[in-house]
N, C-alpha and C. Protein backbone atom coordinates (compact mmCIF):
# COMPACT_ATOMS: atom_id res chain seq x y z
N MET A 1 113.19 106.89 100.34
CA MET A 1 111.80 107.00 99.97
C MET A 1 111.50 107.71 98.87
N PRO A 2 110.67 107.20 97.88
CA PRO A 2 110.66 108.04 96.62
C PRO A 2 109.71 109.42 96.90
N THR A 3 109.90 110.36 96.18
CA THR A 3 109.06 111.63 96.22
C THR A 3 108.29 111.44 94.96
N ASP A 4 107.15 112.08 94.96
CA ASP A 4 106.04 112.17 93.78
C ASP A 4 106.15 113.74 93.47
N ASP A 5 106.92 113.97 92.19
CA ASP A 5 106.69 115.16 91.69
C ASP A 5 105.65 115.67 90.97
N ARG A 6 104.61 114.78 90.62
CA ARG A 6 103.35 114.92 89.96
C ARG A 6 102.56 116.04 90.81
N ASP A 7 101.40 116.39 90.31
CA ASP A 7 100.30 116.96 91.05
C ASP A 7 98.96 116.00 90.91
N VAL A 8 98.12 116.18 91.71
CA VAL A 8 96.92 115.22 91.66
C VAL A 8 96.22 115.24 90.29
N LEU A 9 96.26 116.08 89.68
CA LEU A 9 95.55 116.07 88.49
C LEU A 9 96.61 114.99 87.32
N GLU A 10 97.85 115.20 87.33
CA GLU A 10 98.70 114.25 86.63
C GLU A 10 98.58 112.74 87.10
N LEU A 11 98.33 112.64 88.62
CA LEU A 11 98.20 111.32 89.05
C LEU A 11 96.92 110.63 88.65
N LEU A 12 95.85 111.47 88.52
CA LEU A 12 94.57 111.05 88.05
C LEU A 12 94.66 110.62 86.67
N LYS A 13 95.17 111.52 85.89
CA LYS A 13 95.24 111.13 84.52
C LYS A 13 96.04 109.92 84.33
N SER A 14 97.30 109.67 84.92
CA SER A 14 98.06 108.50 84.77
C SER A 14 97.21 107.14 85.04
N GLU A 15 96.31 107.27 86.02
CA GLU A 15 95.50 106.07 86.61
C GLU A 15 94.45 105.90 85.65
N LEU A 16 93.90 106.81 85.22
CA LEU A 16 92.85 106.76 83.97
C LEU A 16 93.37 106.16 82.62
N GLU A 17 94.72 106.63 82.38
CA GLU A 17 95.31 105.97 81.22
C GLU A 17 95.78 104.58 81.44
N PHE A 18 96.14 104.06 82.62
CA PHE A 18 96.38 102.66 82.94
C PHE A 18 95.04 102.00 82.79
N LEU A 19 94.01 102.33 83.36
CA LEU A 19 92.69 101.65 83.31
C LEU A 19 92.36 101.57 81.81
N GLU A 20 92.26 102.70 81.05
CA GLU A 20 91.90 102.60 79.70
C GLU A 20 92.83 101.57 78.84
N ALA A 21 93.99 101.63 79.26
CA ALA A 21 94.77 100.56 78.53
C ALA A 21 94.57 99.08 78.74
N GLY A 22 93.75 98.75 79.75
CA GLY A 22 93.46 97.41 80.11
C GLY A 22 93.34 97.27 81.50
N GLY A 23 93.92 98.13 82.16
CA GLY A 23 93.75 98.00 83.72
C GLY A 23 94.72 96.93 84.17
N TYR A 24 93.88 96.43 85.44
CA TYR A 24 94.81 95.49 86.22
C TYR A 24 94.81 94.03 85.52
N ALA A 25 93.71 93.77 84.88
CA ALA A 25 93.51 92.56 84.21
C ALA A 25 94.44 92.32 83.14
N HIS A 26 94.83 93.33 82.25
CA HIS A 26 95.62 93.31 81.11
C HIS A 26 96.85 94.13 81.08
N SER A 27 97.12 94.51 82.18
CA SER A 27 98.36 95.33 82.45
C SER A 27 99.80 94.61 81.49
N ALA A 28 100.30 95.41 80.66
CA ALA A 28 101.65 94.97 80.20
C ALA A 28 102.81 95.16 81.02
N VAL A 29 102.63 95.93 82.25
CA VAL A 29 103.30 96.14 83.19
C VAL A 29 103.41 94.76 84.21
N THR A 30 102.49 94.28 84.48
CA THR A 30 102.26 93.29 85.47
C THR A 30 101.32 92.15 84.78
N HIS A 31 101.85 91.01 84.97
CA HIS A 31 101.32 89.93 84.47
C HIS A 31 100.41 89.03 85.30
N TRP A 32 100.22 89.55 86.46
CA TRP A 32 99.33 89.11 87.48
C TRP A 32 98.12 89.93 87.72
N ARG A 33 97.22 89.50 88.26
CA ARG A 33 96.00 90.35 88.74
C ARG A 33 96.14 90.86 90.08
N PRO A 34 96.40 92.17 90.10
CA PRO A 34 96.77 92.73 91.31
C PRO A 34 95.28 92.52 92.18
N SER A 35 95.36 92.66 93.46
CA SER A 35 94.25 92.64 94.37
C SER A 35 93.44 93.81 94.80
N SER A 36 94.15 94.91 94.36
CA SER A 36 93.41 96.27 94.74
C SER A 36 93.92 97.47 93.90
N ILE A 37 92.52 98.05 93.53
CA ILE A 37 92.65 99.25 92.82
C ILE A 37 93.62 100.55 93.54
N PHE A 38 94.10 101.20 92.82
CA PHE A 38 95.08 102.28 93.43
C PHE A 38 96.29 101.65 94.14
N HIS A 39 96.05 100.72 95.06
CA HIS A 39 96.91 100.14 95.96
C HIS A 39 98.10 99.43 95.18
N ASP A 40 97.76 98.75 93.95
CA ASP A 40 98.51 97.82 93.23
C ASP A 40 98.71 98.64 91.93
N SER A 41 98.78 99.77 91.95
CA SER A 41 98.76 100.64 90.62
C SER A 41 100.13 101.05 90.20
N PRO A 42 100.54 101.23 88.97
CA PRO A 42 101.69 101.81 88.68
C PRO A 42 101.66 103.42 89.08
N THR A 43 100.70 103.97 89.62
CA THR A 43 100.52 105.31 90.07
C THR A 43 100.91 105.19 91.67
N CYS A 44 101.08 104.15 92.38
CA CYS A 44 101.18 104.28 93.62
C CYS A 44 102.62 104.37 94.04
N LEU A 45 102.94 105.07 95.10
CA LEU A 45 104.32 105.23 95.22
C LEU A 45 105.03 104.08 95.65
N ASN A 46 104.32 102.94 96.07
CA ASN A 46 104.80 101.65 96.53
C ASN A 46 104.74 100.75 95.35
N PHE A 47 104.30 101.10 94.15
CA PHE A 47 104.31 99.89 93.12
C PHE A 47 105.56 99.40 93.06
N ALA A 48 105.47 97.98 92.73
CA ALA A 48 106.84 97.23 92.63
C ALA A 48 107.74 97.26 93.82
N ASP A 49 107.31 97.50 95.01
CA ASP A 49 108.29 97.72 96.02
C ASP A 49 107.65 96.70 97.13
N PRO A 50 108.00 95.58 97.14
CA PRO A 50 107.53 94.60 98.11
C PRO A 50 107.58 95.03 99.66
N SER A 51 108.57 95.84 99.88
CA SER A 51 108.82 96.35 101.27
C SER A 51 107.74 97.57 101.59
N ARG A 52 106.97 97.92 100.48
CA ARG A 52 106.12 99.01 100.76
C ARG A 52 106.63 100.11 101.83
N GLY A 53 107.79 100.60 101.11
CA GLY A 53 108.66 101.66 101.85
C GLY A 53 108.18 102.92 102.06
N SER A 54 107.15 103.30 101.18
CA SER A 54 106.49 104.79 101.09
C SER A 54 105.17 104.79 102.08
N ARG A 55 105.01 105.83 102.72
CA ARG A 55 103.89 105.85 103.56
C ARG A 55 102.64 106.44 102.59
N CYS A 56 101.54 105.94 103.06
CA CYS A 56 100.33 106.38 102.13
C CYS A 56 100.14 107.79 102.53
N GLU A 57 100.36 108.27 103.63
CA GLU A 57 100.37 109.87 103.74
C GLU A 57 101.12 110.61 102.85
N ASP A 58 102.22 110.14 102.14
CA ASP A 58 103.04 110.88 101.07
C ASP A 58 102.30 111.05 99.69
N CYS A 59 101.04 110.09 99.63
CA CYS A 59 100.46 110.00 98.27
C CYS A 59 99.50 111.35 97.94
N LEU A 60 99.43 111.69 96.73
CA LEU A 60 98.65 112.63 96.41
C LEU A 60 97.25 112.46 96.58
N LEU A 61 96.85 111.16 96.51
CA LEU A 61 95.39 110.85 96.73
C LEU A 61 94.83 111.16 98.04
N THR A 62 95.73 111.15 99.03
CA THR A 62 95.19 111.42 100.37
C THR A 62 94.58 112.82 100.40
N ALA A 63 94.78 113.66 99.63
CA ALA A 63 94.05 114.96 99.41
C ALA A 63 92.72 114.79 99.40
N LEU A 64 92.17 113.60 98.68
CA LEU A 64 90.80 113.34 98.32
C LEU A 64 90.21 112.36 99.42
N VAL A 65 90.90 111.93 100.41
CA VAL A 65 90.29 111.00 101.26
C VAL A 65 89.79 111.75 102.40
N PRO A 66 88.56 111.37 102.86
CA PRO A 66 87.68 111.92 103.91
C PRO A 66 88.77 111.99 105.27
N PRO A 67 88.85 113.09 105.91
CA PRO A 67 89.78 113.08 107.04
C PRO A 67 89.50 111.97 108.14
N THR A 68 88.19 111.43 108.30
CA THR A 68 88.13 110.45 109.29
C THR A 68 88.46 109.10 108.70
N ARG A 69 88.95 109.08 107.44
CA ARG A 69 89.56 107.80 106.96
C ARG A 69 90.99 107.67 106.68
N LEU A 70 91.66 108.97 106.88
CA LEU A 70 93.20 108.88 106.80
C LEU A 70 94.04 108.07 107.42
N GLY A 71 93.50 107.39 108.58
CA GLY A 71 94.18 106.50 109.27
C GLY A 71 94.08 104.91 108.80
N GLU A 72 93.15 104.86 107.93
CA GLU A 72 93.11 103.38 107.32
C GLU A 72 94.36 103.07 106.65
N GLU A 73 94.44 101.44 106.84
CA GLU A 73 95.55 100.98 106.03
C GLU A 73 95.82 101.33 104.70
N VAL A 74 94.82 101.50 103.81
CA VAL A 74 94.86 101.87 102.24
C VAL A 74 93.67 102.91 102.38
N PRO A 75 94.31 104.44 102.56
CA PRO A 75 93.25 105.33 102.89
C PRO A 75 92.61 105.70 101.43
N CYS A 76 93.22 105.55 100.30
CA CYS A 76 92.64 105.98 98.92
C CYS A 76 91.37 104.96 98.61
N HIS A 77 91.29 104.01 99.46
CA HIS A 77 90.26 103.13 99.13
C HIS A 77 88.88 103.55 99.80
N PHE A 78 89.03 104.85 100.41
CA PHE A 78 87.92 105.36 101.08
C PHE A 78 87.66 106.80 100.41
N ILE A 79 88.01 107.03 99.39
CA ILE A 79 87.60 108.29 98.66
C ILE A 79 86.29 107.99 98.13
N PRO A 80 85.36 108.72 98.25
CA PRO A 80 83.97 108.81 97.59
C PRO A 80 84.09 108.93 96.29
N LEU A 81 83.39 107.88 95.47
CA LEU A 81 83.47 107.76 94.00
C LEU A 81 82.27 108.32 93.34
N ASN A 82 81.24 108.43 94.00
CA ASN A 82 79.92 109.23 93.40
C ASN A 82 79.20 109.62 94.71
N ALA A 83 77.94 110.20 94.22
CA ALA A 83 77.06 110.82 95.12
C ALA A 83 76.43 109.80 96.15
N GLU A 84 76.52 108.53 95.85
CA GLU A 84 76.12 107.33 96.74
C GLU A 84 77.24 107.30 97.73
N GLY A 85 78.17 107.67 97.59
CA GLY A 85 79.22 107.54 98.58
C GLY A 85 80.00 106.16 98.50
N GLU A 86 79.88 105.53 97.36
CA GLU A 86 80.67 104.14 97.17
C GLU A 86 82.21 104.64 97.14
N THR A 87 82.93 103.59 97.73
CA THR A 87 84.37 103.79 97.77
C THR A 87 84.85 102.50 97.06
N VAL A 88 86.24 102.62 96.76
CA VAL A 88 86.88 101.19 96.39
C VAL A 88 86.63 100.10 97.27
N HIS A 89 86.93 100.44 98.61
CA HIS A 89 86.72 99.51 99.70
C HIS A 89 85.40 98.90 99.55
N TYR A 90 84.41 99.55 99.46
CA TYR A 90 83.02 99.09 99.37
C TYR A 90 82.78 98.15 98.15
N LEU A 91 83.07 98.76 97.13
CA LEU A 91 82.88 98.19 95.76
C LEU A 91 83.97 96.72 95.73
N GLU A 92 84.89 96.88 96.11
CA GLU A 92 85.86 95.52 96.00
C GLU A 92 85.27 94.51 96.60
N GLY A 93 84.57 94.80 97.77
CA GLY A 93 83.84 93.61 98.59
C GLY A 93 82.52 93.25 98.16
N ASN A 94 82.15 94.03 97.10
CA ASN A 94 80.50 93.84 96.72
C ASN A 94 80.29 93.70 95.27
N GLU A 95 81.24 94.11 94.36
CA GLU A 95 81.15 93.97 92.79
C GLU A 95 82.29 93.21 92.15
N PRO A 96 82.06 92.80 91.10
CA PRO A 96 83.08 92.21 90.25
C PRO A 96 84.14 93.07 89.84
N PRO A 97 85.39 92.78 89.64
CA PRO A 97 86.43 93.67 89.17
C PRO A 97 86.09 94.51 88.31
N GLU A 98 85.47 94.05 86.97
CA GLU A 98 85.21 95.02 85.81
C GLU A 98 84.23 96.21 86.24
N VAL A 99 83.30 95.82 87.37
CA VAL A 99 82.42 96.87 87.54
C VAL A 99 83.20 97.89 88.52
N VAL A 100 84.13 97.35 89.38
CA VAL A 100 85.00 98.37 90.07
C VAL A 100 85.79 99.20 89.16
N GLU A 101 86.49 98.63 88.28
CA GLU A 101 87.24 99.46 87.13
C GLU A 101 86.39 100.27 86.53
N GLN A 102 85.31 100.10 86.10
CA GLN A 102 84.40 101.19 85.38
C GLN A 102 84.09 102.15 86.25
N ARG A 103 83.52 101.93 87.55
CA ARG A 103 83.21 102.98 88.63
C ARG A 103 84.44 103.88 88.66
N VAL A 104 85.48 103.37 88.93
CA VAL A 104 86.74 104.18 89.18
C VAL A 104 87.05 105.04 87.75
N LYS A 105 86.93 104.45 86.72
CA LYS A 105 87.13 105.23 85.55
C LYS A 105 86.14 106.38 85.44
N ASP A 106 85.03 106.15 85.74
CA ASP A 106 83.77 107.23 85.70
C ASP A 106 84.32 108.34 86.80
N TRP A 107 84.84 107.94 87.80
CA TRP A 107 85.01 109.01 88.85
C TRP A 107 86.43 109.76 88.26
N LEU A 108 87.45 109.00 87.87
CA LEU A 108 88.52 109.57 87.27
C LEU A 108 88.22 110.64 86.38
N ARG A 109 87.23 110.24 85.30
CA ARG A 109 86.86 111.07 84.34
C ARG A 109 86.15 112.57 85.01
N ARG A 110 85.37 112.18 85.84
CA ARG A 110 84.55 113.50 86.60
C ARG A 110 85.78 114.27 87.24
N MET A 111 86.60 113.63 88.10
CA MET A 111 87.51 114.47 88.77
C MET A 111 88.43 115.09 88.00
N ILE A 112 89.05 114.75 86.86
CA ILE A 112 89.89 115.29 85.90
C ILE A 112 89.14 116.54 85.21
N ALA A 113 87.90 116.33 84.76
CA ALA A 113 87.22 117.42 84.37
C ALA A 113 86.91 118.62 85.33
N VAL A 114 86.70 118.18 86.49
CA VAL A 114 86.63 119.27 87.46
C VAL A 114 87.86 119.96 87.71
N LEU A 115 89.08 119.44 87.90
CA LEU A 115 90.43 119.91 88.28
C LEU A 115 90.78 120.64 87.00
N GLU A 116 90.53 120.29 85.94
CA GLU A 116 90.81 121.11 84.70
C GLU A 116 90.00 122.33 84.46
N ALA A 117 88.84 122.23 84.88
CA ALA A 117 88.00 123.42 84.88
C ALA A 117 88.40 124.52 85.86
N ALA A 118 88.71 123.95 86.93
CA ALA A 118 89.30 124.81 87.90
C ALA A 118 90.50 125.67 87.61
N ARG A 119 91.34 124.84 86.84
CA ARG A 119 92.66 125.48 86.45
C ARG A 119 92.32 126.35 84.94
N GLY A 120 91.20 126.20 84.47
CA GLY A 120 91.15 126.89 83.26
C GLY A 120 91.65 126.20 82.13
N GLN A 121 91.89 124.97 82.27
CA GLN A 121 92.59 124.18 81.26
C GLN A 121 91.34 123.63 80.09
N GLN A 122 91.57 123.43 79.00
CA GLN A 122 90.83 122.68 78.00
C GLN A 122 90.49 121.20 78.53
N PRO A 123 89.31 120.90 78.71
CA PRO A 123 89.11 119.53 79.07
C PRO A 123 89.66 118.53 77.91
N ARG A 124 90.35 117.59 78.43
CA ARG A 124 91.09 116.32 77.37
C ARG A 124 89.77 115.54 77.06
N LEU A 125 89.96 115.08 75.84
CA LEU A 125 89.01 113.98 75.36
C LEU A 125 89.19 112.72 75.97
N VAL A 126 88.16 112.05 76.47
CA VAL A 126 88.54 110.64 77.19
C VAL A 126 87.43 109.53 76.49
N ARG A 127 87.87 108.41 76.58
CA ARG A 127 87.15 107.64 75.86
C ARG A 127 86.14 106.99 77.10
N HIS A 128 84.99 106.63 76.58
CA HIS A 128 83.93 105.97 77.42
C HIS A 128 83.64 104.79 77.26
């Protein structure tokens, strides 16, 4: 089982970089359209592993999942993305992929800024 040496800030930055580089629709890594944000991302412990050998509990994103949702099949889909409580699970069922990706990018930028501020780091410039 692979281990993840990154911290959650590094993971969020990696996901944002992936989305800003074209995300799921234009990835140079994958030539197919994945079905799911985070779950089919290069930042996922199970990326390119058809057996899905790693447990979601081992993912750093679970630190952001409400405790009542940790038992879900894809817990990272239940991270609240905004004050309205929208989640990837909700958005993927109700919005086109480009809207989902934009909301996730917005959330990633906010979370990165919060974590950097908490660590006393200089906020990085991000494209909007």
